[in-house]
């Protein structure tokens, strides 16, 4: 993930919800209008969260 973040400038874009129930800011990490999270999903390093209860990773 760090090489992806260090590859150049990125922006933190607010989501529909500003904070989660613990007070953490919720943001999309984007570069040139493209989501870096989507890059991780395409590479198989992450999966999409569809809401609700999280399913196990393994």
PDB file of N, CA and C in Angstrom:
ATOM      1  N   UNK A   1       0.818  -1.192   0.000  1.00  0.00           N
ATOM      2  CA  UNK A   1       0.000   0.000   0.000  1.00  0.00           C
ATOM      3  C   UNK A   1       0.862   1.256   0.000  1.00  0.00           C
ATOM      4  N   UNK A   2       1.970   1.277   0.736  1.00  0.00           N
ATOM      5  CA  UNK A   2       2.788   2.479   0.795  1.00  0.00           C
ATOM      6  C   UNK A   2       3.339   2.887  -0.561  1.00  0.00           C
ATOM      7  N   UNK A   3       3.822   1.962  -1.401  1.00  0.00           N
ATOM      8  CA  UNK A   3       4.273   2.401  -2.724  1.00  0.00           C
ATOM      9  C   UNK A   3       3.137   3.070  -3.512  1.00  0.00           C
ATOM     10  N   UNK A   4       1.934   2.591  -3.326  1.00  0.00           N
ATOM     11  CA  UNK A   4       0.783   3.177  -4.014  1.00  0.00           C
ATOM     12  C   UNK A   4       0.554   4.610  -3.521  1.00  0.00           C
ATOM     13  N   UNK A   5       0.658   4.826  -2.222  1.00  0.00           N
ATOM     14  CA  UNK A   5       0.480   6.178  -1.673  1.00  0.00           C
ATOM     15  C   UNK A   5       1.654   7.078  -2.017  1.00  0.00           C
ATOM     16  N   UNK A   6       2.851   6.530  -2.050  1.00  0.00           N
ATOM     17  CA  UNK A   6       4.047   7.328  -2.310  1.00  0.00           C
ATOM     18  C   UNK A   6       4.282   7.613  -3.790  1.00  0.00           C
ATOM     19  N   UNK A   7       3.452   7.073  -4.673  1.00  0.00           N
ATOM     20  CA  UNK A   7       3.647   7.238  -6.114  1.00  0.00           C
ATOM     21  C   UNK A   7       3.331   8.653  -6.602  1.00  0.00           C
ATOM     22  N   UNK A   8       2.749   9.481  -5.757  1.00  0.00           N
ATOM     23  CA  UNK A   8       2.438  10.844  -6.161  1.00  0.00           C
ATOM     24  C   UNK A   8       1.355  11.426  -5.280  1.00  0.00           C
ATOM     25  N   UNK A   9       0.972  12.661  -5.549  1.00  0.00           N
ATOM     26  CA  UNK A   9      -0.040  13.318  -4.723  1.00  0.00           C
ATOM     27  C   UNK A   9      -1.387  12.605  -4.813  1.00  0.00           C
ATOM     28  N   UNK A  10      -2.117  12.630  -3.719  1.00  0.00           N
ATOM     29  CA  UNK A  10      -3.450  12.053  -3.681  1.00  0.00           C
ATOM     30  C   UNK A  10      -4.350  12.988  -2.891  1.00  0.00           C
ATOM     31  N   UNK A  11      -5.645  12.777  -3.012  1.00  0.00           N
ATOM     32  CA  UNK A  11      -6.610  13.586  -2.274  1.00  0.00           C
ATOM     33  C   UNK A  11      -7.442  12.670  -1.386  1.00  0.00           C
ATOM     34  N   UNK A  12      -7.936  13.233  -0.297  1.00  0.00           N
ATOM     35  CA  UNK A  12      -8.865  12.546   0.596  1.00  0.00           C
ATOM     36  C   UNK A  12     -10.225  13.181   0.379  1.00  0.00           C
ATOM     37  N   UNK A  13     -11.146  12.421  -0.200  1.00  0.00           N
ATOM     38  CA  UNK A  13     -12.460  12.930  -0.569  1.00  0.00           C
ATOM     39  C   UNK A  13     -13.508  12.443   0.425  1.00  0.00           C
ATOM     40  N   UNK A  14     -14.316  13.355   0.978  1.00  0.00           N
ATOM     41  CA  UNK A  14     -15.358  12.934   1.919  1.00  0.00           C
ATOM     42  C   UNK A  14     -16.338  11.940   1.280  1.00  0.00           C
ATOM     43  N   UNK A  15     -16.872  11.052   2.114  1.00  0.00           N
ATOM     44  CA  UNK A  15     -17.883  10.091   1.667  1.00  0.00           C
ATOM     45  C   UNK A  15     -19.254  10.604   2.088  1.00  0.00           C
ATOM     46  N   UNK A  16     -20.275   9.787   1.869  1.00  0.00           N
ATOM     47  CA  UNK A  16     -21.635  10.178   2.268  1.00  0.00           C
ATOM     48  C   UNK A  16     -21.719  10.427   3.771  1.00  0.00           C
ATOM     49  N   UNK A  17     -21.014   9.609   4.544  1.00  0.00           N
ATOM     50  CA  UNK A  17     -20.951   9.797   5.999  1.00  0.00           C
ATOM     51  C   UNK A  17     -19.612  10.435   6.336  1.00  0.00           C
ATOM     52  N   UNK A  18     -19.628  11.488   7.141  1.00  0.00           N
ATOM     53  CA  UNK A  18     -18.400  12.192   7.485  1.00  0.00           C
ATOM     54  C   UNK A  18     -17.557  11.408   8.483  1.00  0.00           C
ATOM     55  N   UNK A  19     -18.209  10.815   9.490  1.00  0.00           N
ATOM     56  CA  UNK A  19     -17.490  10.052  10.519  1.00  0.00           C
ATOM     57  C   UNK A  19     -18.221   8.747  10.804  1.00  0.00           C
ATOM     58  N   UNK A  20     -17.475   7.765  11.340  1.00  0.00           N
ATOM     59  CA  UNK A  20     -18.113   6.512  11.737  1.00  0.00           C
ATOM     60  C   UNK A  20     -18.552   6.629  13.201  1.00  0.00           C
ATOM     61  N   UNK A  21     -19.077   5.564  13.750  1.00  0.00           N
ATOM     62  CA  UNK A  21     -19.617   5.624  15.107  1.00  0.00           C
ATOM     63  C   UNK A  21     -18.546   5.834  16.171  1.00  0.00           C
ATOM     64  N   UNK A  22     -17.283   5.673  15.793  1.00  0.00           N
ATOM     65  CA  UNK A  22     -16.182   5.892  16.723  1.00  0.00           C
ATOM     66  C   UNK A  22     -15.551   7.276  16.549  1.00  0.00           C
ATOM     67  N   UNK A  23     -16.118   8.092  15.665  1.00  0.00           N
ATOM     68  CA  UNK A  23     -15.609   9.436  15.441  1.00  0.00           C
ATOM     69  C   UNK A  23     -14.484   9.522  14.423  1.00  0.00           C
ATOM     70  N   UNK A  24     -14.189   8.409  13.721  1.00  0.00           N
ATOM     71  CA  UNK A  24     -13.118   8.421  12.707  1.00  0.00           C
ATOM     72  C   UNK A  24     -13.632   9.032  11.411  1.00  0.00           C
ATOM     73  N   UNK A  25     -12.827   9.871  10.793  1.00  0.00           N
ATOM     74  CA  UNK A  25     -13.184  10.469   9.511  1.00  0.00           C
ATOM     75  C   UNK A  25     -13.224   9.395   8.430  1.00  0.00           C
ATOM     76  N   UNK A  26     -14.237   9.416   7.595  1.00  0.00           N
ATOM     77  CA  UNK A  26     -14.374   8.473   6.483  1.00  0.00           C
ATOM     78  C   UNK A  26     -14.052   9.209   5.191  1.00  0.00           C
ATOM     79  N   UNK A  27     -13.040   8.728   4.482  1.00  0.00           N
ATOM     80  CA  UNK A  27     -12.595   9.392   3.264  1.00  0.00           C
ATOM     81  C   UNK A  27     -12.239   8.370   2.194  1.00  0.00           C
ATOM     82  N   UNK A  28     -12.352   8.786   0.935  1.00  0.00           N
ATOM     83  CA  UNK A  28     -11.858   8.013  -0.199  1.00  0.00           C
ATOM     84  C   UNK A  28     -10.477   8.553  -0.534  1.00  0.00           C
ATOM     85  N   UNK A  29      -9.541   7.665  -0.796  1.00  0.00           N
ATOM     86  CA  UNK A  29      -8.199   8.074  -1.203  1.00  0.00           C
ATOM     87  C   UNK A  29      -8.167   8.004  -2.726  1.00  0.00           C
ATOM     88  N   UNK A  30      -7.934   9.149  -3.379  1.00  0.00           N
ATOM     89  CA  UNK A  30      -8.001   9.211  -4.838  1.00  0.00           C
ATOM     90  C   UNK A  30      -6.761   9.893  -5.417  1.00  0.00           C
ATOM     91  N   UNK A  31      -6.425   9.470  -6.613  1.00  0.00           N
ATOM     92  CA  UNK A  31      -5.364  10.118  -7.386  1.00  0.00           C
ATOM     93  C   UNK A  31      -5.908  10.304  -8.797  1.00  0.00           C
ATOM     94  N   UNK A  32      -5.848  11.519  -9.295  1.00  0.00           N
ATOM     95  CA  UNK A  32      -6.347  11.844 -10.641  1.00  0.00           C
ATOM     96  C   UNK A  32      -7.779  11.359 -10.839  1.00  0.00           C
ATOM     97  N   UNK A  33      -8.593  11.477  -9.779  1.00  0.00           N
ATOM     98  CA  UNK A  33     -10.002  11.107  -9.864  1.00  0.00           C
ATOM     99  C   UNK A  33     -10.278   9.616  -9.759  1.00  0.00           C
ATOM    100  N   UNK A  34      -9.252   8.791  -9.580  1.00  0.00           N
ATOM    101  CA  UNK A  34      -9.432   7.340  -9.481  1.00  0.00           C
ATOM    102  C   UNK A  34      -9.202   6.888  -8.044  1.00  0.00           C
ATOM    103  N   UNK A  35     -10.031   5.989  -7.562  1.00  0.00           N
ATOM    104  CA  UNK A  35      -9.936   5.479  -6.208  1.00  0.00           C
ATOM    105  C   UNK A  35      -8.757   4.524  -6.060  1.00  0.00           C
ATOM    106  N   UNK A  36      -7.888   4.797  -5.082  1.00  0.00           N
ATOM    107  CA  UNK A  36      -6.791   3.873  -4.817  1.00  0.00           C
ATOM    108  C   UNK A  36      -7.316   2.594  -4.176  1.00  0.00           C
ATOM    109  N   UNK A  37      -8.455   2.672  -3.501  1.00  0.00           N
ATOM    110  CA  UNK A  37      -9.100   1.469  -2.973  1.00  0.00           C
ATOM    111  C   UNK A  37      -9.510   0.534  -4.091  1.00  0.00           C
ATOM    112  N   UNK A  38     -10.010   1.083  -5.191  1.00  0.00           N
ATOM    113  CA  UNK A  38     -10.394   0.260  -6.339  1.00  0.00           C
ATOM    114  C   UNK A  38      -9.181  -0.450  -6.936  1.00  0.00           C
ATOM    115  N   UNK A  39      -8.030   0.216  -6.904  1.00  0.00           N
ATOM    116  CA  UNK A  39      -6.797  -0.406  -7.383  1.00  0.00           C
ATOM    117  C   UNK A  39      -6.481  -1.626  -6.520  1.00  0.00           C
ATOM    118  N   UNK A  40      -6.593  -1.478  -5.202  1.00  0.00           N
ATOM    119  CA  UNK A  40      -6.323  -2.599  -4.298  1.00  0.00           C
ATOM    120  C   UNK A  40      -7.290  -3.754  -4.533  1.00  0.00           C
ATOM    121  N   UNK A  41      -8.563  -3.441  -4.793  1.00  0.00           N
ATOM    122  CA  UNK A  41      -9.553  -4.482  -5.085  1.00  0.00           C
ATOM    123  C   UNK A  41      -9.173  -5.210  -6.371  1.00  0.00           C
ATOM    124  N   UNK A  42      -8.818  -4.470  -7.420  1.00  0.00           N
ATOM    125  CA  UNK A  42      -8.434  -5.097  -8.699  1.00  0.00           C
ATOM    126  C   UNK A  42      -7.214  -5.996  -8.540  1.00  0.00           C
ATOM    127  N   UNK A  43      -6.298  -5.630  -7.667  1.00  0.00           N
ATOM    128  CA  UNK A  43      -5.088  -6.415  -7.454  1.00  0.00           C
ATOM    129  C   UNK A  43      -5.308  -7.584  -6.494  1.00  0.00           C
ATOM    130  N   UNK A  44      -6.521  -7.717  -5.977  1.00  0.00           N
ATOM    131  CA  UNK A  44      -6.824  -8.803  -5.058  1.00  0.00           C
ATOM    132  C   UNK A  44      -6.304  -8.578  -3.646  1.00  0.00           C
ATOM    133  N   UNK A  45      -5.918  -7.351  -3.323  1.00  0.00           N
ATOM    134  CA  UNK A  45      -5.372  -7.033  -2.005  1.00  0.00           C
ATOM    135  C   UNK A  45      -6.436  -6.526  -1.037  1.00  0.00           C
ATOM    136  N   UNK A  46      -7.631  -6.309  -1.545  1.00  0.00           N
ATOM    137  CA  UNK A  46      -8.758  -5.838  -0.738  1.00  0.00           C
ATOM    138  C   UNK A  46     -10.033  -6.323  -1.406  1.00  0.00           C
ATOM    139  N   UNK A  47     -11.137  -6.184  -0.707  1.00  0.00           N
ATOM    140  CA  UNK A  47     -12.427  -6.496  -1.327  1.00  0.00           C
ATOM    141  C   UNK A  47     -13.415  -5.407  -0.965  1.00  0.00           C
ATOM    142  N   UNK A  48     -14.422  -5.292  -1.799  1.00  0.00           N
ATOM    143  CA  UNK A  48     -15.434  -4.255  -1.613  1.00  0.00           C
ATOM    144  C   UNK A  48     -16.245  -4.530  -0.355  1.00  0.00           C
ATOM    145  N   UNK A  49     -16.608  -3.459   0.329  1.00  0.00           N
ATOM    146  CA  UNK A  49     -17.483  -3.551   1.489  1.00  0.00           C
ATOM    147  C   UNK A  49     -18.867  -3.138   1.033  1.00  0.00           C
ATOM    148  N   UNK A  50     -19.817  -4.043   1.149  1.00  0.00           N
ATOM    149  CA  UNK A  50     -21.177  -3.775   0.691  1.00  0.00           C
ATOM    150  C   UNK A  50     -22.108  -3.317   1.780  1.00  0.00           C
ATOM    151  N   UNK A  51     -21.582  -3.014   2.950  1.00  0.00           N
ATOM    152  CA  UNK A  51     -22.414  -2.613   4.067  1.00  0.00           C
ATOM    153  C   UNK A  51     -22.790  -3.815   4.909  1.00  0.00           C
ATOM    154  N   UNK A  52     -23.365  -3.554   6.063  1.00  0.00           N
ATOM    155  CA  UNK A  52     -23.772  -4.636   6.938  1.00  0.00           C
ATOM    156  C   UNK A  52     -22.604  -5.310   7.621  1.00  0.00           C
ATOM    157  N   UNK A  53     -22.837  -6.523   8.081  1.00  0.00           N
ATOM    158  CA  UNK A  53     -21.809  -7.268   8.814  1.00  0.00           C
ATOM    159  C   UNK A  53     -20.685  -7.682   7.874  1.00  0.00           C
ATOM    160  N   UNK A  54     -19.458  -7.519   8.350  1.00  0.00           N
ATOM    161  CA  UNK A  54     -18.299  -7.927   7.553  1.00  0.00           C
ATOM    162  C   UNK A  54     -18.179  -9.441   7.536  1.00  0.00           C
ATOM    163  N   UNK A  55     -17.811  -9.984   6.412  1.00  0.00           N
ATOM    164  CA  UNK A  55     -17.564 -11.422   6.326  1.00  0.00           C
ATOM    165  C   UNK A  55     -16.086 -11.680   6.575  1.00  0.00           C
ATOM    166  N   UNK A  56     -15.727 -12.895   6.982  1.00  0.00           N
ATOM    167  CA  UNK A  56     -14.318 -13.184   7.251  1.00  0.00           C
ATOM    168  C   UNK A  56     -13.449 -13.002   6.007  1.00  0.00           C
ATOM    169  N   UNK A  57     -12.216 -12.611   6.224  1.00  0.00           N
ATOM    170  CA  UNK A  57     -11.289 -12.387   5.109  1.00  0.00           C
ATOM    171  C   UNK A  57     -10.834 -13.702   4.500  1.00  0.00           C
ATOM    172  N   UNK A  58     -10.508 -14.669   5.331  1.00  0.00           N
ATOM    173  CA  UNK A  58      -9.981 -15.945   4.822  1.00  0.00           C
ATOM    174  C   UNK A  58     -11.089 -16.943   4.550  1.00  0.00           C
TER     175      UNK A  58
END
